[in-house]
Amino acid sequence: LADENVPWPLIRLLRSMGLDVVWILETSYRGISNDEIIDIANRAER
């Protein structure tokens, strides 16, 4: 689960390597707190 501060080129590279990456900027969770990011990651096992 990639935080908003992770740059797009890194997201693209990781995906091209076959990794399963959910980027916060591509979801409805933009702007959420660090605690909320951890909660989402825990629920999604990320």
All heavy atoms as atom14 arrays in JSON, in Angstrom:
{
  "sequence": "LADENVPWPLIRLLRSMGLDVVWILETSYRGISNDEIIDIANRAER",
  "atom14_mask": [
    [1, 1, 1, 1, 1, 1, 1, 1, 0, 0, 0, 0, 0, 0],
    [1, 1, 1, 1, 1, 0, 0, 0, 0, 0, 0, 0, 0, 0],
    [1, 1, 1, 1, 1, 1, 1, 1, 0, 0, 0, 0, 0, 0],
    [1, 1, 1, 1, 1, 1, 1, 1, 1, 0, 0, 0, 0, 0],
    [1, 1, 1, 1, 1, 1, 1, 1, 0, 0, 0, 0, 0, 0],
    [1, 1, 1, 1, 1, 1, 1, 0, 0, 0, 0, 0, 0, 0],
    [1, 1, 1, 1, 1, 1, 1, 0, 0, 0, 0, 0, 0, 0],
    [1, 1, 1, 1, 1, 1, 1, 1, 1, 1, 1, 1, 1, 1],
    [1, 1, 1, 1, 1, 1, 1, 0, 0, 0, 0, 0, 0, 0],
    [1, 1, 1, 1, 1, 1, 1, 1, 0, 0, 0, 0, 0, 0],
    [1, 1, 1, 1, 1, 1, 1, 1, 0, 0, 0, 0, 0, 0],
    [1, 1, 1, 1, 1, 1, 1, 1, 1, 1, 1, 0, 0, 0],
    [1, 1, 1, 1, 1, 1, 1, 1, 0, 0, 0, 0, 0, 0],
    [1, 1, 1, 1, 1, 1, 1, 1, 0, 0, 0, 0, 0, 0],
    [1, 1, 1, 1, 1, 1, 1, 1, 1, 1, 1, 0, 0, 0],
    [1, 1, 1, 1, 1, 1, 0, 0, 0, 0, 0, 0, 0, 0],
    [1, 1, 1, 1, 1, 1, 1, 1, 0, 0, 0, 0, 0, 0],
    [1, 1, 1, 1, 0, 0, 0, 0, 0, 0, 0, 0, 0, 0],
    [1, 1, 1, 1, 1, 1, 1, 1, 0, 0, 0, 0, 0, 0],
    [1, 1, 1, 1, 1, 1, 1, 1, 0, 0, 0, 0, 0, 0],
    [1, 1, 1, 1, 1, 1, 1, 0, 0, 0, 0, 0, 0, 0],
    [1, 1, 1, 1, 1, 1, 1, 0, 0, 0, 0, 0, 0, 0],
    [1, 1, 1, 1, 1, 1, 1, 1, 1, 1, 1, 1, 1, 1],
    [1, 1, 1, 1, 1, 1, 1, 1, 0, 0, 0, 0, 0, 0],
    [1, 1, 1, 1, 1, 1, 1, 1, 0, 0, 0, 0, 0, 0],
    [1, 1, 1, 1, 1, 1, 1, 1, 1, 0, 0, 0, 0, 0],
    [1, 1, 1, 1, 1, 1, 1, 0, 0, 0, 0, 0, 0, 0],
    [1, 1, 1, 1, 1, 1, 0, 0, 0, 0, 0, 0, 0, 0],
    [1, 1, 1, 1, 1, 1, 1, 1, 1, 1, 1, 1, 0, 0],
    [1, 1, 1, 1, 1, 1, 1, 1, 1, 1, 1, 0, 0, 0],
    [1, 1, 1, 1, 0, 0, 0, 0, 0, 0, 0, 0, 0, 0],
    [1, 1, 1, 1, 1, 1, 1, 1, 0, 0, 0, 0, 0, 0],
    [1, 1, 1, 1, 1, 1, 0, 0, 0, 0, 0, 0, 0, 0],
    [1, 1, 1, 1, 1, 1, 1, 1, 0, 0, 0, 0, 0, 0],
    [1, 1, 1, 1, 1, 1, 1, 1, 0, 0, 0, 0, 0, 0],
    [1, 1, 1, 1, 1, 1, 1, 1, 1, 0, 0, 0, 0, 0],
    [1, 1, 1, 1, 1, 1, 1, 1, 0, 0, 0, 0, 0, 0],
    [1, 1, 1, 1, 1, 1, 1, 1, 0, 0, 0, 0, 0, 0],
    [1, 1, 1, 1, 1, 1, 1, 1, 0, 0, 0, 0, 0, 0],
    [1, 1, 1, 1, 1, 1, 1, 1, 0, 0, 0, 0, 0, 0],
    [1, 1, 1, 1, 1, 0, 0, 0, 0, 0, 0, 0, 0, 0],
    [1, 1, 1, 1, 1, 1, 1, 1, 0, 0, 0, 0, 0, 0],
    [1, 1, 1, 1, 1, 1, 1, 1, 1, 1, 1, 0, 0, 0],
    [1, 1, 1, 1, 1, 0, 0, 0, 0, 0, 0, 0, 0, 0],
    [1, 1, 1, 1, 1, 1, 1, 1, 1, 0, 0, 0, 0, 0],
    [1, 1, 1, 1, 1, 1, 1, 1, 1, 1, 1, 0, 0, 0]
  ],
  "atom14_positions": [
    [[0.88, -1.16, 0.0], [0.0, 0.0, 0.0], [0.92, 1.21, 0.0], [1.59, 1.48, 1.0], [-0.91, 0.01, 1.23], [-1.83, 1.23, 1.34], [-2.8, 1.3, 0.18], [-2.59, 1.2, 2.66], [0.0, 0.0, 0.0], [0.0, 0.0, 0.0], [0.0, 0.0, 0.0], [0.0, 0.0, 0.0], [0.0, 0.0, 0.0], [0.0, 0.0, 0.0]],
    [[1.0, 1.89, -1.13], [1.92, 3.02, -1.29], [1.26, 4.32, -0.85], [0.18, 4.68, -1.32], [2.39, 3.11, -2.73], [0.0, 0.0, 0.0], [0.0, 0.0, 0.0], [0.0, 0.0, 0.0], [0.0, 0.0, 0.0], [0.0, 0.0, 0.0], [0.0, 0.0, 0.0], [0.0, 0.0, 0.0], [0.0, 0.0, 0.0], [0.0, 0.0, 0.0]],
    [[1.95, 5.02, 0.03], [1.5, 6.31, 0.53], [1.52, 7.34, -0.61], [2.14, 7.12, -1.65], [2.43, 6.75, 1.66], [1.86, 7.82, 2.56], [0.76, 8.34, 2.27], [2.51, 8.14, 3.56], [0.0, 0.0, 0.0], [0.0, 0.0, 0.0], [0.0, 0.0, 0.0], [0.0, 0.0, 0.0], [0.0, 0.0, 0.0], [0.0, 0.0, 0.0]],
    [[0.87, 8.47, -0.38], [0.79, 9.52, -1.39], [2.15, 10.08, -1.77], [2.33, 10.59, -2.87], [-0.09, 10.67, -0.89], [-1.53, 10.29, -0.72], [-2.36, 11.45, -0.2], [-2.23, 12.58, -0.7], [-3.15, 11.21, 0.73], [0.0, 0.0, 0.0], [0.0, 0.0, 0.0], [0.0, 0.0, 0.0], [0.0, 0.0, 0.0], [0.0, 0.0, 0.0]],
    [[3.12, 10.0, -0.87], [4.42, 10.61, -1.12], [5.36, 9.72, -1.94], [6.48, 10.12, -2.22], [5.09, 10.99, 0.2], [5.27, 9.82, 1.14], [5.33, 8.68, 0.72], [5.31, 10.09, 2.42], [0.0, 0.0, 0.0], [0.0, 0.0, 0.0], [0.0, 0.0, 0.0], [0.0, 0.0, 0.0], [0.0, 0.0, 0.0], [0.0, 0.0, 0.0]],
    [[4.92, 8.56, -2.33], [5.73, 7.68, -3.17], [5.56, 8.14, -4.61], [4.45, 8.25, -5.11], [5.31, 6.2, -2.99], [6.1, 5.3, -3.91], [5.46, 5.78, -1.53], [0.0, 0.0, 0.0], [0.0, 0.0, 0.0], [0.0, 0.0, 0.0], [0.0, 0.0, 0.0], [0.0, 0.0, 0.0], [0.0, 0.0, 0.0], [0.0, 0.0, 0.0]],
    [[6.67, 8.4, -5.31], [6.56, 8.94, -6.68], [6.06, 7.92, -7.69], [6.33, 6.73, -7.58], [8.01, 9.37, -7.0], [8.87, 8.62, -6.06], [8.05, 8.3, -4.84], [0.0, 0.0, 0.0], [0.0, 0.0, 0.0], [0.0, 0.0, 0.0], [0.0, 0.0, 0.0], [0.0, 0.0, 0.0], [0.0, 0.0, 0.0], [0.0, 0.0, 0.0]],
    [[5.33, 8.44, -8.67], [4.75, 7.61, -9.73], [5.78, 6.72, -10.42], [5.51, 5.53, -10.66], [3.99, 8.46, -10.74], [3.64, 7.7, -11.97], [4.1, 7.91, -13.23], [2.79, 6.55, -12.06], [3.58, 6.98, -14.1], [2.76, 6.13, -13.4], [2.03, 5.84, -11.14], [2.03, 5.05, -13.84], [1.31, 4.74, -11.58], [1.3, 4.37, -12.92]],
    [[6.99, 7.21, -10.76], [7.94, 6.31, -11.44], [8.26, 5.05, -10.62], [8.44, 3.98, -11.19], [9.18, 7.19, -11.63], [8.64, 8.58, -11.69], [7.5, 8.59, -10.7], [0.0, 0.0, 0.0], [0.0, 0.0, 0.0], [0.0, 0.0, 0.0], [0.0, 0.0, 0.0], [0.0, 0.0, 0.0], [0.0, 0.0, 0.0], [0.0, 0.0, 0.0]],
    [[8.31, 5.17, -9.31], [8.57, 4.0, -8.47], [7.37, 3.04, -8.49], [7.54, 1.82, -8.57], [8.91, 4.4, -7.04], [9.2, 3.26, -6.07], [10.32, 2.37, -6.59], [9.52, 3.8, -4.69], [0.0, 0.0, 0.0], [0.0, 0.0, 0.0], [0.0, 0.0, 0.0], [0.0, 0.0, 0.0], [0.0, 0.0, 0.0], [0.0, 0.0, 0.0]],
    [[6.17, 3.59, -8.42], [4.95, 2.77, -8.5], [4.96, 1.98, -9.81], [4.75, 0.76, -9.82], [3.68, 3.63, -8.41], [3.62, 4.43, -7.12], [2.43, 2.79, -8.62], [3.51, 3.62, -5.86], [0.0, 0.0, 0.0], [0.0, 0.0, 0.0], [0.0, 0.0, 0.0], [0.0, 0.0, 0.0], [0.0, 0.0, 0.0], [0.0, 0.0, 0.0]],
    [[5.22, 2.67, -10.9], [5.25, 2.04, -12.22], [6.32, 0.94, -12.28], [6.06, -0.15, -12.79], [5.48, 3.1, -13.29], [5.37, 2.6, -14.7], [5.51, 3.69, -15.73], [6.75, 4.42, -15.51], [6.85, 5.75, -15.51], [5.8, 6.5, -15.72], [8.01, 6.34, -15.3], [0.0, 0.0, 0.0], [0.0, 0.0, 0.0], [0.0, 0.0, 0.0]],
    [[7.5, 1.21, -11.74], [8.58, 0.22, -11.74], [8.2, -1.02, -10.94], [8.39, -2.15, -11.4], [9.87, 0.84, -11.17], [11.04, -0.13, -10.99], [11.52, -0.63, -12.34], [12.15, 0.54, -10.21], [0.0, 0.0, 0.0], [0.0, 0.0, 0.0], [0.0, 0.0, 0.0], [0.0, 0.0, 0.0], [0.0, 0.0, 0.0], [0.0, 0.0, 0.0]],
    [[7.67, -0.82, -9.75], [7.28, -1.96, -8.91], [6.21, -2.81, -9.58], [6.28, -4.04, -9.55], [6.79, -1.47, -7.54], [7.86, -0.81, -6.66], [7.22, -0.17, -5.45], [8.92, -1.82, -6.26], [0.0, 0.0, 0.0], [0.0, 0.0, 0.0], [0.0, 0.0, 0.0], [0.0, 0.0, 0.0], [0.0, 0.0, 0.0], [0.0, 0.0, 0.0]],
    [[5.25, -2.16, -10.2], [4.21, -2.9, -10.92], [4.78, -3.65, -12.11], [4.36, -4.78, -12.39], [3.1, -1.95, -11.36], [2.24, -1.48, -10.2], [1.2, -0.49, -10.64], [0.33, -0.09, -9.54], [-0.5, 0.94, -9.59], [-0.6, 1.67, -10.68], [-1.24, 1.23, -8.55], [0.0, 0.0, 0.0], [0.0, 0.0, 0.0], [0.0, 0.0, 0.0]],
    [[5.74, -3.04, -12.81], [6.34, -3.72, -13.96], [7.14, -4.95, -13.53], [7.37, -5.85, -14.33], [7.24, -2.76, -14.74], [8.46, -2.51, -14.05], [0.0, 0.0, 0.0], [0.0, 0.0, 0.0], [0.0, 0.0, 0.0], [0.0, 0.0, 0.0], [0.0, 0.0, 0.0], [0.0, 0.0, 0.0], [0.0, 0.0, 0.0], [0.0, 0.0, 0.0]],
    [[7.54, -4.98, -12.26], [8.25, -6.12, -11.71], [7.29, -7.18, -11.18], [7.71, -8.19, -10.63], [9.17, -5.65, -10.58], [10.27, -4.73, -11.05], [11.18, -3.93, -9.7], [11.83, -5.34, -8.83], [0.0, 0.0, 0.0], [0.0, 0.0, 0.0], [0.0, 0.0, 0.0], [0.0, 0.0, 0.0], [0.0, 0.0, 0.0], [0.0, 0.0, 0.0]],
    [[6.0, -6.93, -11.33], [5.0, -7.91, -10.94], [4.49, -7.77, -9.52], [3.74, -8.64, -9.05], [0.0, 0.0, 0.0], [0.0, 0.0, 0.0], [0.0, 0.0, 0.0], [0.0, 0.0, 0.0], [0.0, 0.0, 0.0], [0.0, 0.0, 0.0], [0.0, 0.0, 0.0], [0.0, 0.0, 0.0], [0.0, 0.0, 0.0], [0.0, 0.0, 0.0]],
    [[4.85, -6.69, -8.83], [4.36, -6.5, -7.46], [2.95, -5.93, -7.46], [2.58, -5.16, -8.35], [5.3, -5.58, -6.68], [6.7, -6.13, -6.43], [7.57, -5.09, -5.77], [6.63, -7.38, -5.59], [0.0, 0.0, 0.0], [0.0, 0.0, 0.0], [0.0, 0.0, 0.0], [0.0, 0.0, 0.0], [0.0, 0.0, 0.0], [0.0, 0.0, 0.0]],
    [[2.19, -6.31, -6.47], [0.82, -5.84, -6.28], [0.88, -4.56, -5.46], [1.09, -4.59, -4.25], [0.03, -6.93, -5.56], [-1.42, -6.56, -5.32], [-1.82, -5.41, -5.62], [-2.15, -7.42, -4.81], [0.0, 0.0, 0.0], [0.0, 0.0, 0.0], [0.0, 0.0, 0.0], [0.0, 0.0, 0.0], [0.0, 0.0, 0.0], [0.0, 0.0, 0.0]],
    [[0.71, -3.41, -6.13], [0.82, -2.11, -5.47], [-0.48, -1.33, -5.59], [-0.96, -1.08, -6.7], [1.96, -1.25, -6.07], [2.09, 0.07, -5.34], [3.28, -2.01, -6.07], [0.0, 0.0, 0.0], [0.0, 0.0, 0.0], [0.0, 0.0, 0.0], [0.0, 0.0, 0.0], [0.0, 0.0, 0.0], [0.0, 0.0, 0.0], [0.0, 0.0, 0.0]],
    [[-1.06, -0.97, -4.45], [-2.19, -0.05, -4.42], [-1.62, 1.29, -3.99], [-0.97, 1.4, -2.94], [-3.28, -0.51, -3.42], [-4.34, 0.56, -3.25], [-3.89, -1.82, -3.87], [0.0, 0.0, 0.0], [0.0, 0.0, 0.0], [0.0, 0.0, 0.0], [0.0, 0.0, 0.0], [0.0, 0.0, 0.0], [0.0, 0.0, 0.0], [0.0, 0.0, 0.0]],
    [[-1.83, 2.31, -4.8], [-1.3, 3.64, -4.54], [-2.44, 4.53, -4.03], [-3.46, 4.66, -4.69], [-0.71, 4.2, -5.81], [0.13, 5.43, -5.69], [0.84, 5.86, -4.61], [0.38, 6.38, -6.72], [1.52, 6.99, -4.9], [1.25, 7.34, -6.21], [-0.05, 6.5, -8.03], [1.7, 8.43, -6.96], [0.4, 7.57, -8.77], [1.27, 8.52, -8.24]],
    [[-2.26, 5.09, -2.85], [-3.31, 5.91, -2.22], [-3.85, 6.96, -3.19], [-5.05, 7.23, -3.21], [-2.78, 6.57, -0.93], [-2.53, 5.53, 0.16], [-3.73, 7.66, -0.44], [-3.77, 4.88, 0.73], [0.0, 0.0, 0.0], [0.0, 0.0, 0.0], [0.0, 0.0, 0.0], [0.0, 0.0, 0.0], [0.0, 0.0, 0.0], [0.0, 0.0, 0.0]],
    [[-2.99, 7.55, -4.02], [-3.44, 8.6, -4.95], [-4.43, 8.09, -5.99], [-5.14, 8.87, -6.61], [-2.24, 9.24, -5.65], [-1.44, 10.22, -4.79], [-0.24, 10.75, -5.57], [-2.3, 11.36, -4.31], [0.0, 0.0, 0.0], [0.0, 0.0, 0.0], [0.0, 0.0, 0.0], [0.0, 0.0, 0.0], [0.0, 0.0, 0.0], [0.0, 0.0, 0.0]],
    [[-4.5, 6.79, -6.19], [-5.43, 6.21, -7.16], [-6.72, 5.71, -6.5], [-7.51, 5.04, -7.15], [-4.76, 5.05, -7.91], [-3.6, 5.48, -8.76], [-2.9, 4.31, -9.44], [-2.82, 3.21, -8.83], [-2.43, 4.51, -10.57], [0.0, 0.0, 0.0], [0.0, 0.0, 0.0], [0.0, 0.0, 0.0], [0.0, 0.0, 0.0], [0.0, 0.0, 0.0]],
    [[-6.88, 6.01, -5.23], [-8.05, 5.54, -4.49], [-8.87, 6.72, -3.98], [-8.48, 7.87, -4.14], [-7.63, 4.67, -3.29], [-7.04, 5.51, -2.29], [-6.66, 3.57, -3.69], [0.0, 0.0, 0.0], [0.0, 0.0, 0.0], [0.0, 0.0, 0.0], [0.0, 0.0, 0.0], [0.0, 0.0, 0.0], [0.0, 0.0, 0.0], [0.0, 0.0, 0.0]],
    [[-9.93, 6.4, -3.3], [-10.75, 7.45, -2.69], [-10.2, 7.85, -1.32], [-10.82, 8.64, -0.62], [-12.19, 6.95, -2.54], [-12.23, 5.8, -1.71], [0.0, 0.0, 0.0], [0.0, 0.0, 0.0], [0.0, 0.0, 0.0], [0.0, 0.0, 0.0], [0.0, 0.0, 0.0], [0.0, 0.0, 0.0], [0.0, 0.0, 0.0], [0.0, 0.0, 0.0]],
    [[-9.05, 7.31, -0.95], [-8.46, 7.57, 0.37], [-7.46, 8.72, 0.38], [-6.74, 8.89, 1.35], [-7.77, 6.31, 0.9], [-8.69, 5.14, 1.06], [-8.48, 3.97, 0.34], [-9.76, 5.18, 1.93], [-9.31, 2.88, 0.49], [-10.61, 4.1, 2.08], [-10.37, 2.95, 1.35], [-11.19, 1.88, 1.5], [0.0, 0.0, 0.0], [0.0, 0.0, 0.0]],
    [[-7.4, 9.51, -0.67], [-6.44, 10.62, -0.72], [-6.6, 11.52, 0.49], [-7.7, 11.84, 0.91], [-6.68, 11.44, -1.97], [-6.42, 10.69, -3.24], [-6.79, 11.51, -4.43], [-5.75, 12.52, -4.65], [-5.24, 12.82, -5.81], [-5.69, 12.24, -6.88], [-4.3, 13.72, -5.92], [0.0, 0.0, 0.0], [0.0, 0.0, 0.0], [0.0, 0.0, 0.0]],
    [[-5.46, 11.91, 1.07], [-5.47, 12.86, 2.18], [-5.75, 12.26, 3.54], [-5.92, 13.01, 4.51], [0.0, 0.0, 0.0], [0.0, 0.0, 0.0], [0.0, 0.0, 0.0], [0.0, 0.0, 0.0], [0.0, 0.0, 0.0], [0.0, 0.0, 0.0], [0.0, 0.0, 0.0], [0.0, 0.0, 0.0], [0.0, 0.0, 0.0], [0.0, 0.0, 0.0]],
    [[-5.81, 10.95, 3.67], [-6.12, 10.34, 4.97], [-4.89, 10.37, 5.87], [-3.76, 10.55, 5.42], [-6.66, 8.91, 4.83], [-5.62, 7.98, 4.21], [-7.96, 8.9, 4.02], [-6.05, 6.52, 4.2], [0.0, 0.0, 0.0], [0.0, 0.0, 0.0], [0.0, 0.0, 0.0], [0.0, 0.0, 0.0], [0.0, 0.0, 0.0], [0.0, 0.0, 0.0]],
    [[-5.12, 10.15, 7.15], [-4.04, 10.2, 8.14], [-3.18, 8.93, 8.09], [-3.58, 7.91, 7.52], [-4.64, 10.34, 9.54], [-5.27, 9.14, 9.93], [0.0, 0.0, 0.0], [0.0, 0.0, 0.0], [0.0, 0.0, 0.0], [0.0, 0.0, 0.0], [0.0, 0.0, 0.0], [0.0, 0.0, 0.0], [0.0, 0.0, 0.0], [0.0, 0.0, 0.0]],
    [[-2.02, 9.02, 8.71], [-1.13, 7.86, 8.8], [-1.81, 6.71, 9.53], [-1.65, 5.55, 9.15], [0.17, 8.23, 9.51], [1.0, 9.21, 8.72], [0.82, 9.36, 7.52], [1.92, 9.88, 9.38], [0.0, 0.0, 0.0], [0.0, 0.0, 0.0], [0.0, 0.0, 0.0], [0.0, 0.0, 0.0], [0.0, 0.0, 0.0], [0.0, 0.0, 0.0]],
    [[-2.55, 7.01, 10.59], [-3.27, 5.96, 11.32], [-4.27, 5.24, 10.42], [-4.4, 4.02, 10.47], [-4.01, 6.54, 12.52], [-3.08, 6.92, 13.66], [-2.12, 6.16, 13.91], [-3.3, 7.96, 14.3], [0.0, 0.0, 0.0], [0.0, 0.0, 0.0], [0.0, 0.0, 0.0], [0.0, 0.0, 0.0], [0.0, 0.0, 0.0], [0.0, 0.0, 0.0]],
    [[-4.96, 6.01, 9.58], [-5.93, 5.4, 8.66], [-5.24, 4.54, 7.61], [-5.75, 3.48, 7.22], [-6.77, 6.49, 8.0], [-7.7, 7.18, 8.97], [-8.38, 8.41, 8.36], [-7.66, 9.3, 7.86], [-9.62, 8.45, 8.38], [0.0, 0.0, 0.0], [0.0, 0.0, 0.0], [0.0, 0.0, 0.0], [0.0, 0.0, 0.0], [0.0, 0.0, 0.0]],
    [[-4.07, 4.97, 7.15], [-3.31, 4.18, 6.18], [-2.93, 2.84, 6.8], [-3.07, 1.79, 6.17], [-2.06, 4.94, 5.69], [-2.5, 6.09, 4.78], [-1.09, 4.01, 4.95], [-1.4, 7.01, 4.35], [0.0, 0.0, 0.0], [0.0, 0.0, 0.0], [0.0, 0.0, 0.0], [0.0, 0.0, 0.0], [0.0, 0.0, 0.0], [0.0, 0.0, 0.0]],
    [[-2.48, 2.87, 8.05], [-2.13, 1.62, 8.73], [-3.35, 0.72, 8.87], [-3.26, -0.49, 8.64], [-1.5, 1.91, 10.1], [-0.13, 2.55, 9.91], [-1.37, 0.63, 10.93], [0.5, 3.05, 11.17], [0.0, 0.0, 0.0], [0.0, 0.0, 0.0], [0.0, 0.0, 0.0], [0.0, 0.0, 0.0], [0.0, 0.0, 0.0], [0.0, 0.0, 0.0]],
    [[-4.49, 1.29, 9.22], [-5.71, 0.49, 9.34], [-6.07, -0.19, 8.02], [-6.42, -1.37, 7.99], [-6.88, 1.35, 9.82], [-6.74, 1.8, 11.26], [-5.96, 1.18, 12.02], [-7.42, 2.79, 11.63], [0.0, 0.0, 0.0], [0.0, 0.0, 0.0], [0.0, 0.0, 0.0], [0.0, 0.0, 0.0], [0.0, 0.0, 0.0], [0.0, 0.0, 0.0]],
    [[-5.99, 0.56, 6.93], [-6.31, 0.0, 5.61], [-5.31, -1.1, 5.25], [-5.7, -2.17, 4.78], [-6.3, 1.11, 4.53], [-7.48, 2.05, 4.76], [-6.34, 0.52, 3.13], [-7.39, 3.33, 3.97], [0.0, 0.0, 0.0], [0.0, 0.0, 0.0], [0.0, 0.0, 0.0], [0.0, 0.0, 0.0], [0.0, 0.0, 0.0], [0.0, 0.0, 0.0]],
    [[-4.03, -0.85, 5.49], [-3.0, -1.85, 5.19], [-3.22, -3.11, 6.01], [-3.09, -4.22, 5.48], [-1.62, -1.27, 5.45], [0.0, 0.0, 0.0], [0.0, 0.0, 0.0], [0.0, 0.0, 0.0], [0.0, 0.0, 0.0], [0.0, 0.0, 0.0], [0.0, 0.0, 0.0], [0.0, 0.0, 0.0], [0.0, 0.0, 0.0], [0.0, 0.0, 0.0]],
    [[-3.56, -2.97, 7.27], [-3.8, -4.13, 8.12], [-4.98, -4.95, 7.61], [-4.89, -6.17, 7.51], [-4.04, -3.71, 9.57], [-2.78, -3.28, 10.28], [-1.67, -3.58, 9.85], [-2.95, -2.56, 11.37], [0.0, 0.0, 0.0], [0.0, 0.0, 0.0], [0.0, 0.0, 0.0], [0.0, 0.0, 0.0], [0.0, 0.0, 0.0], [0.0, 0.0, 0.0]],
    [[-6.07, -4.28, 7.26], [-7.25, -5.0, 6.77], [-6.97, -5.71, 5.45], [-7.46, -6.8, 5.21], [-8.43, -4.04, 6.59], [-9.11, -3.65, 7.89], [-10.44, -2.95, 7.66], [-10.38, -1.79, 6.79], [-10.11, -0.55, 7.19], [-9.86, -0.3, 8.45], [-10.11, 0.44, 6.33], [0.0, 0.0, 0.0], [0.0, 0.0, 0.0], [0.0, 0.0, 0.0]],
    [[-6.15, -5.08, 4.61], [-5.86, -5.66, 3.29], [-4.6, -6.53, 3.29], [-4.21, -7.03, 2.23], [-5.7, -4.53, 2.27], [0.0, 0.0, 0.0], [0.0, 0.0, 0.0], [0.0, 0.0, 0.0], [0.0, 0.0, 0.0], [0.0, 0.0, 0.0], [0.0, 0.0, 0.0], [0.0, 0.0, 0.0], [0.0, 0.0, 0.0], [0.0, 0.0, 0.0]],
    [[-4.01, -6.71, 4.45], [-2.78, -7.5, 4.58], [-1.69, -7.0, 3.64], [-1.09, -7.76, 2.88], [-3.07, -8.99, 4.38], [-4.03, -9.53, 5.42], [-4.32, -11.01, 5.25], [-3.91, -11.61, 4.23], [-4.97, -11.56, 6.15], [0.0, 0.0, 0.0], [0.0, 0.0, 0.0], [0.0, 0.0, 0.0], [0.0, 0.0, 0.0], [0.0, 0.0, 0.0]],
    [[-1.43, -5.7, 3.69], [-0.44, -5.06, 2.84], [0.65, -4.41, 3.69], [0.42, -4.0, 4.81], [-1.08, -3.99, 1.96], [-1.98, -4.57, 0.91], [-2.56, -3.5, -0.02], [-3.35, -4.14, -1.05], [-2.85, -4.58, -2.2], [-1.57, -4.43, -2.47], [-3.61, -5.17, -3.09], [0.0, 0.0, 0.0], [0.0, 0.0, 0.0], [0.0, 0.0, 0.0]]
  ]
}
